[in-house]
Amino acid sequence: MKIEGKRFSIPVPYAILDLASLIITSKLLNRIINKAIKKNGSKFNLPEIDRKDLKPLIKGLSKNSGLILVDTKLKDGTEVVVKL
């Protein structure tokens, strides 16, 4: 069943994305996560992400606002559209 005119959106300001990138690229957080992974017995190691590598991605997201990433319709009539 399709309900016309109903939308669900989660606005995320780019300032929050920038702040999240600071947290993701934190060396301390990386060490804590890798220590927890090793404690769990896995051989996977989370690589360090350099902030300078992540900044162009965030700038690119802001320049392409409105870009449709996912557009699908399920058998039950549910439509999912994910936009920047």
PDB file of N, CA and C in Angstrom:
ATOM      1  N   MET A   1       0.840  -1.173   0.000  1.00  0.00           N
ATOM      2  CA  MET A   1       0.000   0.000   0.000  1.00  0.00           C
ATOM      3  C   MET A   1       0.887   1.237   0.000  1.00  0.00           C
ATOM      4  N   LYS A   2       0.634   2.134  -0.900  1.00  0.00           N
ATOM      5  CA  LYS A   2       1.422   3.351  -1.011  1.00  0.00           C
ATOM      6  C   LYS A   2       0.628   4.516  -0.433  1.00  0.00           C
ATOM      7  N   ILE A   3       1.242   5.233   0.451  1.00  0.00           N
ATOM      8  CA  ILE A   3       0.601   6.402   1.050  1.00  0.00           C
ATOM      9  C   ILE A   3       1.195   7.635   0.401  1.00  0.00           C
ATOM     10  N   GLU A   4       0.370   8.342  -0.320  1.00  0.00           N
ATOM     11  CA  GLU A   4       0.836   9.525  -1.036  1.00  0.00           C
ATOM     12  C   GLU A   4       1.222  10.643  -0.075  1.00  0.00           C
ATOM     13  N   GLY A   5       2.306  11.306  -0.370  1.00  0.00           N
ATOM     14  CA  GLY A   5       2.701  12.498   0.363  1.00  0.00           C
ATOM     15  C   GLY A   5       3.371  12.262   1.699  1.00  0.00           C
ATOM     16  N   LYS A   6       3.593  11.021   2.090  1.00  0.00           N
ATOM     17  CA  LYS A   6       4.258  10.736   3.367  1.00  0.00           C
ATOM     18  C   LYS A   6       5.738  10.514   3.118  1.00  0.00           C
ATOM     19  N   ARG A   7       6.556  11.202   3.891  1.00  0.00           N
ATOM     20  CA  ARG A   7       8.007  11.045   3.777  1.00  0.00           C
ATOM     21  C   ARG A   7       8.614  10.958   5.164  1.00  0.00           C
ATOM     22  N   PHE A   8       9.689  10.258   5.238  1.00  0.00           N
ATOM     23  CA  PHE A   8      10.461  10.169   6.474  1.00  0.00           C
ATOM     24  C   PHE A   8      11.872  10.601   6.126  1.00  0.00           C
ATOM     25  N   SER A   9      12.336  11.645   6.762  1.00  0.00           N
ATOM     26  CA  SER A   9      13.692  12.113   6.460  1.00  0.00           C
ATOM     27  C   SER A   9      14.444  12.393   7.747  1.00  0.00           C
ATOM     28  N   ILE A  10      15.731  12.196   7.674  1.00  0.00           N
ATOM     29  CA  ILE A  10      16.620  12.480   8.801  1.00  0.00           C
ATOM     30  C   ILE A  10      17.658  13.476   8.302  1.00  0.00           C
ATOM     31  N   PRO A  11      17.442  14.751   8.581  1.00  0.00           N
ATOM     32  CA  PRO A  11      18.434  15.735   8.145  1.00  0.00           C
ATOM     33  C   PRO A  11      19.687  15.678   9.033  1.00  0.00           C
ATOM     34  N   VAL A  12      20.824  15.641   8.393  1.00  0.00           N
ATOM     35  CA  VAL A  12      22.096  15.626   9.115  1.00  0.00           C
ATOM     36  C   VAL A  12      22.931  16.789   8.595  1.00  0.00           C
ATOM     37  N   PRO A  13      23.124  17.811   9.430  1.00  0.00           N
ATOM     38  CA  PRO A  13      23.944  18.939   8.990  1.00  0.00           C
ATOM     39  C   PRO A  13      25.382  18.497   8.709  1.00  0.00           C
ATOM     40  N   TYR A  14      25.995  19.117   7.728  1.00  0.00           N
ATOM     41  CA  TYR A  14      27.354  18.727   7.364  1.00  0.00           C
ATOM     42  C   TYR A  14      28.357  19.031   8.470  1.00  0.00           C
ATOM     43  N   ALA A  15      28.018  19.965   9.361  1.00  0.00           N
ATOM     44  CA  ALA A  15      28.889  20.231  10.516  1.00  0.00           C
ATOM     45  C   ALA A  15      28.955  18.996  11.412  1.00  0.00           C
ATOM     46  N   ILE A  16      27.849  18.279  11.530  1.00  0.00           N
ATOM     47  CA  ILE A  16      27.840  17.053  12.338  1.00  0.00           C
ATOM     48  C   ILE A  16      28.642  15.954  11.642  1.00  0.00           C
ATOM     49  N   LEU A  17      28.555  15.894  10.312  1.00  0.00           N
ATOM     50  CA  LEU A  17      29.373  14.931   9.572  1.00  0.00           C
ATOM     51  C   LEU A  17      30.861  15.226   9.765  1.00  0.00           C
ATOM     52  N   ASP A  18      31.196  16.503   9.780  1.00  0.00           N
ATOM     53  CA  ASP A  18      32.587  16.902   9.984  1.00  0.00           C
ATOM     54  C   ASP A  18      33.054  16.499  11.386  1.00  0.00           C
ATOM     55  N   LEU A  19      32.188  16.696  12.369  1.00  0.00           N
ATOM     56  CA  LEU A  19      32.516  16.296  13.740  1.00  0.00           C
ATOM     57  C   LEU A  19      32.653  14.776  13.837  1.00  0.00           C
ATOM     58  N   ALA A  20      31.773  14.062  13.166  1.00  0.00           N
ATOM     59  CA  ALA A  20      31.855  12.594  13.162  1.00  0.00           C
ATOM     60  C   ALA A  20      33.156  12.122  12.518  1.00  0.00           C
ATOM     61  N   SER A  21      33.618  12.848  11.503  1.00  0.00           N
ATOM     62  CA  SER A  21      34.878  12.465  10.867  1.00  0.00           C
ATOM     63  C   SER A  21      36.054  12.639  11.822  1.00  0.00           C
ATOM     64  N   LEU A  22      35.964  13.635  12.698  1.00  0.00           N
ATOM     65  CA  LEU A  22      37.006  13.804  13.722  1.00  0.00           C
ATOM     66  C   LEU A  22      37.041  12.604  14.657  1.00  0.00           C
ATOM     67  N   ILE A  23      35.875  12.124  15.028  1.00  0.00           N
ATOM     68  CA  ILE A  23      35.794  10.987  15.943  1.00  0.00           C
ATOM     69  C   ILE A  23      36.264   9.709  15.257  1.00  0.00           C
ATOM     70  N   ILE A  24      35.834   9.501  14.021  1.00  0.00           N
ATOM     71  CA  ILE A  24      36.198   8.283  13.283  1.00  0.00           C
ATOM     72  C   ILE A  24      37.696   8.191  13.055  1.00  0.00           C
ATOM     73  N   THR A  25      38.348   9.328  12.832  1.00  0.00           N
ATOM     74  CA  THR A  25      39.779   9.317  12.540  1.00  0.00           C
ATOM     75  C   THR A  25      40.644   9.392  13.799  1.00  0.00           C
ATOM     76  N   SER A  26      40.026   9.346  14.953  1.00  0.00           N
ATOM     77  CA  SER A  26      40.764   9.411  16.210  1.00  0.00           C
ATOM     78  C   SER A  26      41.639   8.169  16.390  1.00  0.00           C
ATOM     79  N   LYS A  27      42.903   8.392  16.681  1.00  0.00           N
ATOM     80  CA  LYS A  27      43.821   7.276  16.883  1.00  0.00           C
ATOM     81  C   LYS A  27      43.485   6.515  18.155  1.00  0.00           C
ATOM     82  N   LEU A  28      43.033   7.233  19.180  1.00  0.00           N
ATOM     83  CA  LEU A  28      42.647   6.586  20.433  1.00  0.00           C
ATOM     84  C   LEU A  28      41.462   5.646  20.216  1.00  0.00           C
ATOM     85  N   LEU A  29      40.461   6.115  19.486  1.00  0.00           N
ATOM     86  CA  LEU A  29      39.298   5.273  19.199  1.00  0.00           C
ATOM     87  C   LEU A  29      39.717   4.050  18.387  1.00  0.00           C
ATOM     88  N   ASN A  30      40.607   4.234  17.446  1.00  0.00           N
ATOM     89  CA  ASN A  30      41.085   3.117  16.625  1.00  0.00           C
ATOM     90  C   ASN A  30      41.770   2.067  17.499  1.00  0.00           C
ATOM     91  N   ARG A  31      42.604   2.513  18.440  1.00  0.00           N
ATOM     92  CA  ARG A  31      43.280   1.561  19.331  1.00  0.00           C
ATOM     93  C   ARG A  31      42.291   0.807  20.199  1.00  0.00           C
ATOM     94  N   ILE A  32      41.277   1.510  20.717  1.00  0.00           N
ATOM     95  CA  ILE A  32      40.270   0.873  21.566  1.00  0.00           C
ATOM     96  C   ILE A  32      39.493  -0.177  20.778  1.00  0.00           C
ATOM     97  N   ILE A  33      39.103   0.157  19.564  1.00  0.00           N
ATOM     98  CA  ILE A  33      38.346  -0.782  18.729  1.00  0.00           C
ATOM     99  C   ILE A  33      39.206  -1.997  18.386  1.00  0.00           C
ATOM    100  N   ASN A  34      40.459  -1.776  18.000  1.00  0.00           N
ATOM    101  CA  ASN A  34      41.331  -2.900  17.649  1.00  0.00           C
ATOM    102  C   ASN A  34      41.610  -3.792  18.851  1.00  0.00           C
ATOM    103  N   LYS A  35      41.728  -3.192  20.026  1.00  0.00           N
ATOM    104  CA  LYS A  35      41.949  -3.982  21.241  1.00  0.00           C
ATOM    105  C   LYS A  35      40.727  -4.854  21.517  1.00  0.00           C
ATOM    106  N   ALA A  36      39.527  -4.301  21.329  1.00  0.00           N
ATOM    107  CA  ALA A  36      38.298  -5.070  21.542  1.00  0.00           C
ATOM    108  C   ALA A  36      38.164  -6.187  20.514  1.00  0.00           C
ATOM    109  N   ILE A  37      38.575  -5.927  19.289  1.00  0.00           N
ATOM    110  CA  ILE A  37      38.507  -6.954  18.233  1.00  0.00           C
ATOM    111  C   ILE A  37      39.465  -8.092  18.554  1.00  0.00           C
ATOM    112  N   LYS A  38      40.680  -7.763  18.974  1.00  0.00           N
ATOM    113  CA  LYS A  38      41.663  -8.808  19.306  1.00  0.00           C
ATOM    114  C   LYS A  38      41.214  -9.617  20.516  1.00  0.00           C
ATOM    115  N   LYS A  39      40.590  -8.936  21.488  1.00  0.00           N
ATOM    116  CA  LYS A  39      40.101  -9.611  22.686  1.00  0.00           C
ATOM    117  C   LYS A  39      39.013 -10.616  22.325  1.00  0.00           C
ATOM    118  N   ASN A  40      38.271 -10.315  21.275  1.00  0.00           N
ATOM    119  CA  ASN A  40      37.194 -11.186  20.819  1.00  0.00           C
ATOM    120  C   ASN A  40      37.726 -12.391  20.032  1.00  0.00           C
ATOM    121  N   GLY A  41      39.015 -12.368  19.697  1.00  0.00           N
ATOM    122  CA  GLY A  41      39.628 -13.504  19.019  1.00  0.00           C
ATOM    123  C   GLY A  41      39.699 -13.379  17.509  1.00  0.00           C
ATOM    124  N   SER A  42      39.298 -12.267  16.963  1.00  0.00           N
ATOM    125  CA  SER A  42      39.324 -12.089  15.514  1.00  0.00           C
ATOM    126  C   SER A  42      40.702 -11.612  15.066  1.00  0.00           C
ATOM    127  N   LYS A  43      41.071 -11.965  13.844  1.00  0.00           N
ATOM    128  CA  LYS A  43      42.356 -11.524  13.303  1.00  0.00           C
ATOM    129  C   LYS A  43      42.216 -10.255  12.480  1.00  0.00           C
ATOM    130  N   PHE A  44      40.980  -9.762  12.349  1.00  0.00           N
ATOM    131  CA  PHE A  44      40.732  -8.528  11.609  1.00  0.00           C
ATOM    132  C   PHE A  44      41.320  -7.347  12.361  1.00  0.00           C
ATOM    133  N   ASN A  45      41.894  -6.396  11.630  1.00  0.00           N
ATOM    134  CA  ASN A  45      42.458  -5.197  12.223  1.00  0.00           C
ATOM    135  C   ASN A  45      41.867  -3.988  11.507  1.00  0.00           C
ATOM    136  N   LEU A  46      41.209  -3.105  12.237  1.00  0.00           N
ATOM    137  CA  LEU A  46      40.608  -1.915  11.643  1.00  0.00           C
ATOM    138  C   LEU A  46      41.715  -0.944  11.244  1.00  0.00           C
ATOM    139  N   PRO A  47      41.805  -0.598   9.973  1.00  0.00           N
ATOM    140  CA  PRO A  47      42.879   0.309   9.542  1.00  0.00           C
ATOM    141  C   PRO A  47      42.632   1.740  10.018  1.00  0.00           C
ATOM    142  N   GLU A  48      43.702   2.468  10.208  1.00  0.00           N
ATOM    143  CA  GLU A  48      43.576   3.880  10.579  1.00  0.00           C
ATOM    144  C   GLU A  48      43.139   4.672   9.351  1.00  0.00           C
ATOM    145  N   ILE A  49      42.243   5.621   9.585  1.00  0.00           N
ATOM    146  CA  ILE A  49      41.751   6.488   8.518  1.00  0.00           C
ATOM    147  C   ILE A  49      42.322   7.873   8.766  1.00  0.00           C
ATOM    148  N   ASP A  50      42.965   8.428   7.755  1.00  0.00           N
ATOM    149  CA  ASP A  50      43.547   9.759   7.884  1.00  0.00           C
ATOM    150  C   ASP A  50      42.484  10.805   7.578  1.00  0.00           C
ATOM    151  N   ARG A  51      42.400  11.816   8.405  1.00  0.00           N
ATOM    152  CA  ARG A  51      41.376  12.855   8.254  1.00  0.00           C
ATOM    153  C   ARG A  51      41.481  13.562   6.904  1.00  0.00           C
ATOM    154  N   LYS A  52      42.698  13.765   6.424  1.00  0.00           N
ATOM    155  CA  LYS A  52      42.866  14.469   5.142  1.00  0.00           C
ATOM    156  C   LYS A  52      42.292  13.650   3.977  1.00  0.00           C
ATOM    157  N   ASP A  53      42.200  12.330   4.144  1.00  0.00           N
ATOM    158  CA  ASP A  53      41.602  11.480   3.118  1.00  0.00           C
ATOM    159  C   ASP A  53      40.074  11.518   3.182  1.00  0.00           C
ATOM    160  N   LEU A  54      39.528  11.793   4.352  1.00  0.00           N
ATOM    161  CA  LEU A  54      38.088  11.799   4.544  1.00  0.00           C
ATOM    162  C   LEU A  54      37.447  13.142   4.199  1.00  0.00           C
ATOM    163  N   LYS A  55      38.222  14.221   4.306  1.00  0.00           N
ATOM    164  CA  LYS A  55      37.684  15.560   4.050  1.00  0.00           C
ATOM    165  C   LYS A  55      37.132  15.752   2.634  1.00  0.00           C
ATOM    166  N   PRO A  56      37.812  15.295   1.577  1.00  0.00           N
ATOM    167  CA  PRO A  56      37.241  15.444   0.231  1.00  0.00           C
ATOM    168  C   PRO A  56      35.913  14.705   0.057  1.00  0.00           C
ATOM    169  N   LEU A  57      35.753  13.586   0.759  1.00  0.00           N
ATOM    170  CA  LEU A  57      34.504  12.841   0.693  1.00  0.00           C
ATOM    171  C   LEU A  57      33.356  13.667   1.263  1.00  0.00           C
ATOM    172  N   ILE A  58      33.581  14.295   2.404  1.00  0.00           N
ATOM    173  CA  ILE A  58      32.541  15.112   3.034  1.00  0.00           C
ATOM    174  C   ILE A  58      32.225  16.334   2.175  1.00  0.00           C
ATOM    175  N   LYS A  59      33.246  16.944   1.599  1.00  0.00           N
ATOM    176  CA  LYS A  59      33.009  18.085   0.700  1.00  0.00           C
ATOM    177  C   LYS A  59      32.230  17.651  -0.532  1.00  0.00           C
ATOM    178  N   GLY A  60      32.532  16.472  -1.044  1.00  0.00           N
ATOM    179  CA  GLY A  60      31.811  15.948  -2.198  1.00  0.00           C
ATOM    180  C   GLY A  60      30.352  15.668  -1.880  1.00  0.00           C
ATOM    181  N   LEU A  61      30.079  15.201  -0.678  1.00  0.00           N
ATOM    182  CA  LEU A  61      28.698  14.972  -0.267  1.00  0.00           C
ATOM    183  C   LEU A  61      27.905  16.274  -0.246  1.00  0.00           C
ATOM    184  N   SER A  62      28.531  17.326   0.258  1.00  0.00           N
ATOM    185  CA  SER A  62      27.822  18.604   0.340  1.00  0.00           C
ATOM    186  C   SER A  62      27.577  19.198  -1.051  1.00  0.00           C
ATOM    187  N   LYS A  63      28.471  18.950  -1.990  1.00  0.00           N
ATOM    188  CA  LYS A  63      28.298  19.481  -3.355  1.00  0.00           C
ATOM    189  C   LYS A  63      27.231  18.719  -4.134  1.00  0.00           C
ATOM    190  N   ASN A  64      26.984  17.469  -3.764  1.00  0.00           N
ATOM    191  CA  ASN A  64      26.027  16.638  -4.485  1.00  0.00           C
ATOM    192  C   ASN A  64      24.735  16.439  -3.700  1.00  0.00           C
ATOM    193  N   SER A  65      24.316  17.446  -2.988  1.00  0.00           N
ATOM    194  CA  SER A  65      23.086  17.373  -2.206  1.00  0.00           C
ATOM    195  C   SER A  65      21.899  17.062  -3.121  1.00  0.00           C
ATOM    196  N   GLY A  66      21.051  16.126  -2.699  1.00  0.00           N
ATOM    197  CA  GLY A  66      19.892  15.735  -3.494  1.00  0.00           C
ATOM    198  C   GLY A  66      20.142  14.541  -4.394  1.00  0.00           C
ATOM    199  N   LEU A  67      21.377  14.056  -4.451  1.00  0.00           N
ATOM    200  CA  LEU A  67      21.722  12.898  -5.277  1.00  0.00           C
ATOM    201  C   LEU A  67      21.015  11.651  -4.740  1.00  0.00           C
ATOM    202  N   ILE A  68      20.359  10.898  -5.615  1.00  0.00           N
ATOM    203  CA  ILE A  68      19.654   9.686  -5.200  1.00  0.00           C
ATOM    204  C   ILE A  68      20.651   8.528  -5.165  1.00  0.00           C
ATOM    205  N   LEU A  69      20.784   7.916  -3.987  1.00  0.00           N
ATOM    206  CA  LEU A  69      21.692   6.787  -3.812  1.00  0.00           C
ATOM    207  C   LEU A  69      20.980   5.453  -4.011  1.00  0.00           C
ATOM    208  N   VAL A  70      19.743   5.354  -3.498  1.00  0.00           N
ATOM    209  CA  VAL A  70      18.955   4.123  -3.605  1.00  0.00           C
ATOM    210  C   VAL A  70      17.538   4.499  -3.996  1.00  0.00           C
ATOM    211  N   ASP A  71      16.972   3.790  -4.959  1.00  0.00           N
ATOM    212  CA  ASP A  71      15.587   3.991  -5.372  1.00  0.00           C
ATOM    213  C   ASP A  71      15.025   2.621  -5.723  1.00  0.00           C
ATOM    214  N   THR A  72      14.219   2.063  -4.820  1.00  0.00           N
ATOM    215  CA  THR A  72      13.716   0.710  -5.025  1.00  0.00           C
ATOM    216  C   THR A  72      12.268   0.592  -4.580  1.00  0.00           C
ATOM    217  N   LYS A  73      11.578  -0.373  -5.149  1.00  0.00           N
ATOM    218  CA  LYS A  73      10.191  -0.648  -4.776  1.00  0.00           C
ATOM    219  C   LYS A  73      10.083  -2.133  -4.455  1.00  0.00           C
ATOM    220  N   LEU A  74       9.566  -2.441  -3.272  1.00  0.00           N
ATOM    221  CA  LEU A  74       9.418  -3.825  -2.844  1.00  0.00           C
ATOM    222  C   LEU A  74       8.114  -4.422  -3.365  1.00  0.00           C
ATOM    223  N   LYS A  75       7.985  -5.731  -3.285  1.00  0.00           N
ATOM    224  CA  LYS A  75       6.800  -6.426  -3.790  1.00  0.00           C
ATOM    225  C   LYS A  75       5.527  -5.994  -3.073  1.00  0.00           C
ATOM    226  N   ASP A  76       5.662  -5.619  -1.786  1.00  0.00           N
ATOM    227  CA  ASP A  76       4.479  -5.225  -1.036  1.00  0.00           C
ATOM    228  C   ASP A  76       4.077  -3.767  -1.288  1.00  0.00           C
ATOM    229  N   GLY A  77       4.783  -3.104  -2.209  1.00  0.00           N
ATOM    230  CA  GLY A  77       4.443  -1.726  -2.564  1.00  0.00           C
ATOM    231  C   GLY A  77       5.229  -0.665  -1.818  1.00  0.00           C
ATOM    232  N   THR A  78       6.064  -1.092  -0.897  1.00  0.00           N
ATOM    233  CA  THR A  78       6.895  -0.149  -0.147  1.00  0.00           C
ATOM    234  C   THR A  78       7.964   0.413  -1.067  1.00  0.00           C
ATOM    235  N   GLU A  79       8.087   1.711  -1.076  1.00  0.00           N
ATOM    236  CA  GLU A  79       9.130   2.359  -1.874  1.00  0.00           C
ATOM    237  C   GLU A  79      10.173   2.954  -0.942  1.00  0.00           C
ATOM    238  N   VAL A  80      11.435   2.753  -1.297  1.00  0.00           N
ATOM    239  CA  VAL A  80      12.545   3.293  -0.516  1.00  0.00           C
ATOM    240  C   VAL A  80      13.410   4.155  -1.433  1.00  0.00           C
ATOM    241  N   VAL A  81      13.583   5.400  -1.038  1.00  0.00           N
ATOM    242  CA  VAL A  81      14.454   6.314  -1.767  1.00  0.00           C
ATOM    243  C   VAL A  81      15.400   6.925  -0.748  1.00  0.00           C
ATOM    244  N   VAL A  82      16.704   6.781  -1.007  1.00  0.00           N
ATOM    245  CA  VAL A  82      17.719   7.357  -0.124  1.00  0.00           C
ATOM    246  C   VAL A  82      18.440   8.440  -0.922  1.00  0.00           C
ATOM    247  N   LYS A  83      18.372   9.669  -0.406  1.00  0.00           N
ATOM    248  CA  LYS A  83      19.011  10.819  -1.061  1.00  0.00           C
ATOM    249  C   LYS A  83      20.010  11.450  -0.129  1.00  0.00           C
ATOM    250  N   LEU A  84      20.978  12.119  -0.734  1.00  0.00           N
ATOM    251  CA  LEU A  84      21.911  12.916   0.073  1.00  0.00           C
ATOM    252  C   LEU A  84      21.232  14.185   0.484  1.00  0.00           C
TER     253      LEU A  84
END
